[in-house]
Protein backbone atom coordinates (compact mmCIF):
# COMPACT_ATOMS: atom_id res chain seq x y z
CA MET A 1 -0.04 0.22 -0.06
CA LYS A 2 1.50 3.13 -1.08
CA LYS A 3 2.46 5.53 2.20
CA VAL A 4 0.89 8.98 2.00
CA ILE A 5 2.36 10.27 4.38
CA ILE A 6 5.49 9.80 6.41
CA THR A 7 7.15 12.21 9.03
CA GLU A 8 10.77 11.68 10.42
CA ASP A 9 12.01 12.93 13.67
CA ILE A 10 9.09 15.76 14.18
CA LEU A 11 9.94 18.35 17.02
CA LYS A 12 8.39 21.14 17.21
CA VAL A 13 9.49 23.47 20.21
CA TYR A 14 7.90 26.80 21.16
CA ASN A 15 10.30 30.08 22.36
CA PRO A 16 12.85 27.80 22.16
CA LYS A 17 15.11 31.00 23.30
CA THR A 18 13.00 31.80 26.56
CA ILE A 19 11.02 28.97 28.09
CA PRO A 20 10.73 26.37 25.61
CA VAL A 21 7.49 24.58 25.03
CA TYR A 22 7.96 20.90 23.38
CA ALA A 23 4.58 20.15 21.42
CA LEU A 24 5.85 17.28 19.76
CA ARG A 25 9.11 15.11 20.43
CA HIS A 26 10.78 12.97 17.60
CA VAL A 27 7.39 11.90 16.41
CA ASP A 28 7.82 9.75 13.23
CA LEU A 29 4.71 7.94 11.58
CA GLU A 30 3.40 6.51 8.55
CA ILE A 31 0.15 6.96 6.66
CA GLU A 32 -1.27 4.33 4.12
CA SER A 33 -3.37 5.13 1.35
CA GLY A 34 -6.97 3.85 2.09
CA GLU A 35 -6.45 4.80 6.09
CA PHE A 36 -8.68 6.35 8.45
CA THR A 37 -7.02 7.63 11.75
CA ALA A 38 -7.25 9.07 14.68
CA ILE A 39 -4.74 11.32 16.33
CA VAL A 40 -5.58 11.66 19.49
CA GLY A 41 -4.60 12.90 23.15
CA PRO A 42 -5.61 15.26 25.86
CA SER A 43 -5.56 18.80 25.43
CA GLY A 44 -2.04 19.85 24.39
CA SER A 45 -0.81 16.62 23.52
CA GLY A 46 0.46 18.03 20.24
CA LYS A 47 -2.09 16.35 18.09
CA THR A 48 -3.45 19.35 16.37
CA THR A 49 0.34 21.39 15.73
CA LEU A 50 1.56 17.12 14.32
CA LEU A 51 -1.80 17.52 11.74
CA ASN A 52 -0.89 21.13 10.94
CA ILE A 53 2.70 20.16 10.31
CA ILE A 54 1.93 17.41 8.23
CA GLY A 55 -0.65 19.86 6.00
CA GLY A 56 1.99 22.29 5.77
CA LEU A 57 0.56 24.75 8.12
CA ASP A 58 3.16 25.03 10.18
CA SER A 59 6.73 24.42 10.28
CA PRO A 60 8.57 21.96 12.49
CA SER A 61 11.55 23.11 14.32
CA GLY A 62 13.64 19.86 13.07
CA GLY A 63 12.43 16.75 11.40
CA LYS A 64 11.13 15.77 7.76
CA VAL A 65 7.76 15.44 6.47
CA TRP A 66 6.82 13.80 3.02
CA VAL A 67 3.20 14.00 1.28
CA ASN A 68 2.52 11.70 -1.28
CA GLY A 69 6.30 11.22 -1.99
CA GLN A 70 7.23 14.91 -1.83
CA GLU A 71 9.50 16.06 0.76
CA ILE A 72 7.22 19.40 1.69
CA THR A 73 9.28 20.47 4.44
CA ALA A 74 12.22 21.46 1.67
CA MET A 75 9.77 23.51 -0.17
CA THR A 76 9.67 27.32 -0.51
CA ASP A 77 6.17 28.99 0.62
CA SER A 78 5.38 29.34 -2.83
CA GLU A 79 5.71 25.85 -3.59
CA LEU A 80 4.07 24.68 -0.55
CA ILE A 81 0.92 26.60 -1.33
CA ASN A 82 0.82 25.11 -4.79
CA PHE A 83 1.62 21.57 -3.39
CA ARG A 84 -1.17 21.71 -0.84
CA LYS A 85 -3.63 22.79 -3.53
CA ASP A 86 -3.37 20.08 -5.76
CA ASN A 87 -2.63 16.63 -3.10
CA ILE A 88 -4.20 17.91 0.49
CA GLY A 89 -7.98 18.29 1.53
CA PHE A 90 -8.65 20.10 4.90
CA VAL A 91 -11.75 19.78 6.98
CA PHE A 92 -11.94 22.69 9.99
CA GLN A 93 -13.74 23.01 13.00
CA ALA A 94 -14.71 26.21 11.78
CA TYR A 95 -15.73 24.91 8.68
CA ASN A 96 -14.24 28.29 6.92
CA LEU A 97 -16.49 28.41 4.06
CA ILE A 98 -16.73 31.71 1.93
CA PRO A 99 -19.75 33.68 3.37
CA VAL A 100 -20.69 34.97 0.10
CA LEU A 101 -20.31 31.78 -2.05
CA THR A 102 -22.91 29.15 -2.57
CA ALA A 103 -22.64 25.75 -1.49
CA LYS A 104 -21.46 24.47 -4.92
CA GLU A 105 -19.16 27.78 -5.55
CA ASN A 106 -17.24 26.84 -2.30
CA ILE A 107 -17.16 23.49 -3.66
CA GLU A 108 -15.91 24.90 -6.99
CA PHE A 109 -13.71 26.70 -5.89
CA VAL A 110 -10.69 25.04 -5.50
CA MET A 111 -11.17 23.36 -9.17
CA LEU A 112 -11.17 27.05 -10.30
CA LEU A 113 -7.59 27.50 -8.90
CA GLN A 114 -6.42 24.29 -10.35
CA HIS A 115 -7.89 25.66 -13.93
CA ARG A 116 -10.06 22.65 -14.32
CA SER A 117 -12.69 22.86 -17.29
CA LYS A 118 -16.12 24.09 -16.63
CA ALA A 119 -17.32 20.60 -17.27
CA GLU A 120 -15.30 18.69 -15.51
CA ARG A 121 -16.25 21.05 -12.61
CA ALA A 122 -20.01 20.89 -12.94
CA GLN A 123 -20.05 17.26 -13.38
CA ARG A 124 -17.23 17.07 -9.86
CA VAL A 125 -19.42 19.25 -8.01
CA LYS A 126 -22.88 17.00 -8.76
CA GLU A 127 -20.97 14.11 -8.03
CA LEU A 128 -19.73 15.38 -4.34
CA LEU A 129 -23.18 17.42 -3.76
CA ILE A 130 -25.22 13.63 -4.33
CA ALA A 131 -22.34 12.29 -1.85
CA VAL A 132 -22.38 14.26 0.87
CA GLY A 133 -26.42 14.99 0.72
CA LEU A 134 -26.87 18.09 0.00
CA GLU A 135 -27.84 18.62 -3.98
CA ASP A 136 -31.16 20.41 -3.12
CA LYS A 137 -28.78 22.90 -1.29
CA GLN A 138 -26.48 24.03 -3.99
CA ASN A 139 -27.43 27.85 -4.14
CA SER A 140 -27.79 27.85 -0.57
CA ARG A 141 -25.04 30.27 1.12
CA PRO A 142 -23.43 29.25 4.52
CA ALA A 143 -26.07 30.99 6.66
CA GLN A 144 -28.67 29.94 5.22
CA LEU A 145 -26.81 26.13 6.06
CA SER A 146 -27.37 24.72 9.42
CA GLY A 147 -24.01 23.40 11.12
CA GLY A 148 -24.01 19.90 10.02
CA GLN A 149 -24.66 20.96 6.41
CA GLN A 150 -21.51 23.55 6.10
CA GLN A 151 -19.56 20.62 7.81
CA ARG A 152 -20.89 18.32 4.70
CA VAL A 153 -20.02 21.11 2.30
CA ALA A 154 -16.68 21.57 3.66
CA VAL A 155 -16.18 18.18 3.30
CA ALA A 156 -17.39 18.34 -0.64
CA ARG A 157 -15.09 21.42 -0.85
CA ALA A 158 -11.97 18.98 0.41
CA LEU A 159 -12.45 16.32 -1.74
CA ALA A 160 -12.99 18.30 -4.53
CA ALA A 161 -9.25 18.74 -5.20
CA SER A 162 -8.60 14.83 -5.97
CA PRO A 163 -6.08 15.16 -3.02
CA ALA A 164 -4.18 12.08 -1.62
CA PHE A 165 -5.70 12.67 1.53
CA ILE A 166 -8.13 14.87 4.30
CA LEU A 167 -6.68 16.00 7.12
CA ALA A 168 -10.19 16.91 9.27
CA ASP A 169 -9.17 19.47 12.90
CA GLU A 170 -11.87 18.29 14.93
CA PRO A 171 -14.62 17.98 12.45
CA THR A 172 -17.71 16.98 14.74
CA ALA A 173 -16.47 19.63 17.56
CA ASN A 174 -19.35 22.25 17.10
CA LEU A 175 -22.13 20.40 15.89
CA ASP A 176 -24.99 18.26 17.61
CA SER A 177 -24.81 14.60 17.82
CA LYS A 178 -27.17 13.23 15.13
CA SER A 179 -25.21 16.23 12.99
CA ALA A 180 -21.77 14.30 13.87
CA SER A 181 -22.75 11.24 13.57
CA ASN A 182 -23.91 11.77 9.82
CA LEU A 183 -21.02 13.38 8.58
CA LEU A 184 -18.92 10.58 10.40
CA ASP A 185 -20.98 8.07 8.54
CA ILE A 186 -20.80 10.19 5.13
CA MET A 187 -17.06 10.33 5.44
CA LEU A 188 -16.66 6.49 6.44
CA ASP A 189 -18.71 5.36 3.32
CA MET A 190 -16.13 7.53 1.07
CA ASN A 191 -13.53 5.75 2.54
CA PHE A 192 -14.39 2.10 2.37
CA ASN A 193 -16.38 2.54 -1.21
CA GLU A 194 -14.07 5.13 -2.73
CA GLY A 195 -10.78 4.39 -0.71
CA VAL A 196 -10.25 8.22 0.33
CA THR A 197 -7.64 8.33 3.02
CA PHE A 198 -8.78 10.27 6.33
CA VAL A 199 -6.71 11.62 8.87
CA PHE A 200 -8.71 13.24 12.33
CA SER A 201 -7.17 14.81 15.22
CA THR A 202 -9.99 14.50 17.61
CA HIS A 203 -10.97 14.08 21.18
CA ASP A 204 -14.65 13.19 19.70
CA GLN A 205 -15.53 9.38 20.99
CA ARG A 206 -17.79 8.76 17.82
CA VAL A 207 -14.48 9.73 15.41
CA ILE A 208 -12.63 7.43 17.81
CA ASP A 209 -14.69 4.68 17.42
CA ARG A 210 -15.23 4.08 13.90
CA ALA A 211 -11.27 4.75 13.32
CA ARG A 212 -9.57 1.39 12.30
CA ARG A 213 -6.09 2.88 13.44
CA VAL A 214 -5.69 5.13 16.56
CA ILE A 215 -2.67 6.99 17.61
CA THR A 216 -2.60 8.48 20.99
CA LEU A 217 -0.34 11.14 21.70
CA VAL A 218 1.03 11.87 25.33
CA ASP A 219 2.87 15.04 25.80
CA GLY A 220 4.55 15.39 21.72
CA LEU A 221 5.26 11.75 21.95
CA VAL A 222 3.58 8.77 20.43
CA ASP A 223 2.43 6.41 23.31
CA SER A 224 0.18 3.97 21.30
CA ASP A 225 -0.27 3.62 18.25
CA VAL A 226 -3.50 0.69 17.49
CA ARG A 227 -4.60 -0.82 14.55
CA ARG A 228 -8.30 -2.90 14.63
CA PRO A 229 -10.20 -4.28 11.74
CA PRO A 230 -13.21 -2.68 10.70
CA ILE A 231 -16.18 -2.40 12.85
CA TYR A 232 -18.81 -0.13 10.78
CA LEU A 233 -20.79 -1.70 7.89
CA PRO A 234 -20.58 1.34 5.10
CA LEU A 235 -23.59 2.78 3.66
CA ASN A 236 -23.59 1.60 0.57
CA ASN A 237 -22.72 -1.90 1.61
CA PRO A 238 -24.87 -4.30 -0.32
CA LEU A 239 -24.26 -6.77 2.54
């Protein structure tokens, strides 16, 4: 199986010249294509920092990161921006949708940056809206959508660029129980049926229960790394 993420000896230190705070301490990880992985741990354990470094949103104090076979820690800022656009999808706790754009336009936006054709964009948006159950909301702006619906648009937007994987930072934190469960079932269904790779930073037990790999961080160190068989029947599985 292809390794889409490799971290080697990742160190992250804040305030190194005064009172150093070690957010990550020499973290080595490998994530393969098709994984549904939860990175968990108490507040301050380093899980969001690790996700940001994997996604190229933050730089490590030491160590290297490879994404899809390329070392992102060796890239310039402009190279990293272009690389993220084509290779990494993000789902944030706060949705981060563009308020003046419709659901359809939010999903389409990254494909405009990729210079995809109008026909290709239209087909991809249609497929994704159906996949997240929002085909009847395509012309609604974020303010007209519930929190759960906004997060489903965010998932569709993350998938639009056909990235190597999706990084989801506490994606259920602002959702009610039903919306969170529905969102996670959609994401797990995409993982099972389309092979989409998801990596979560989370403390939500609902995410942990669905994950097939759970990596626990404590004080910036990998405390445990547990793999387990699938425990959930995906939505579109005919069995």
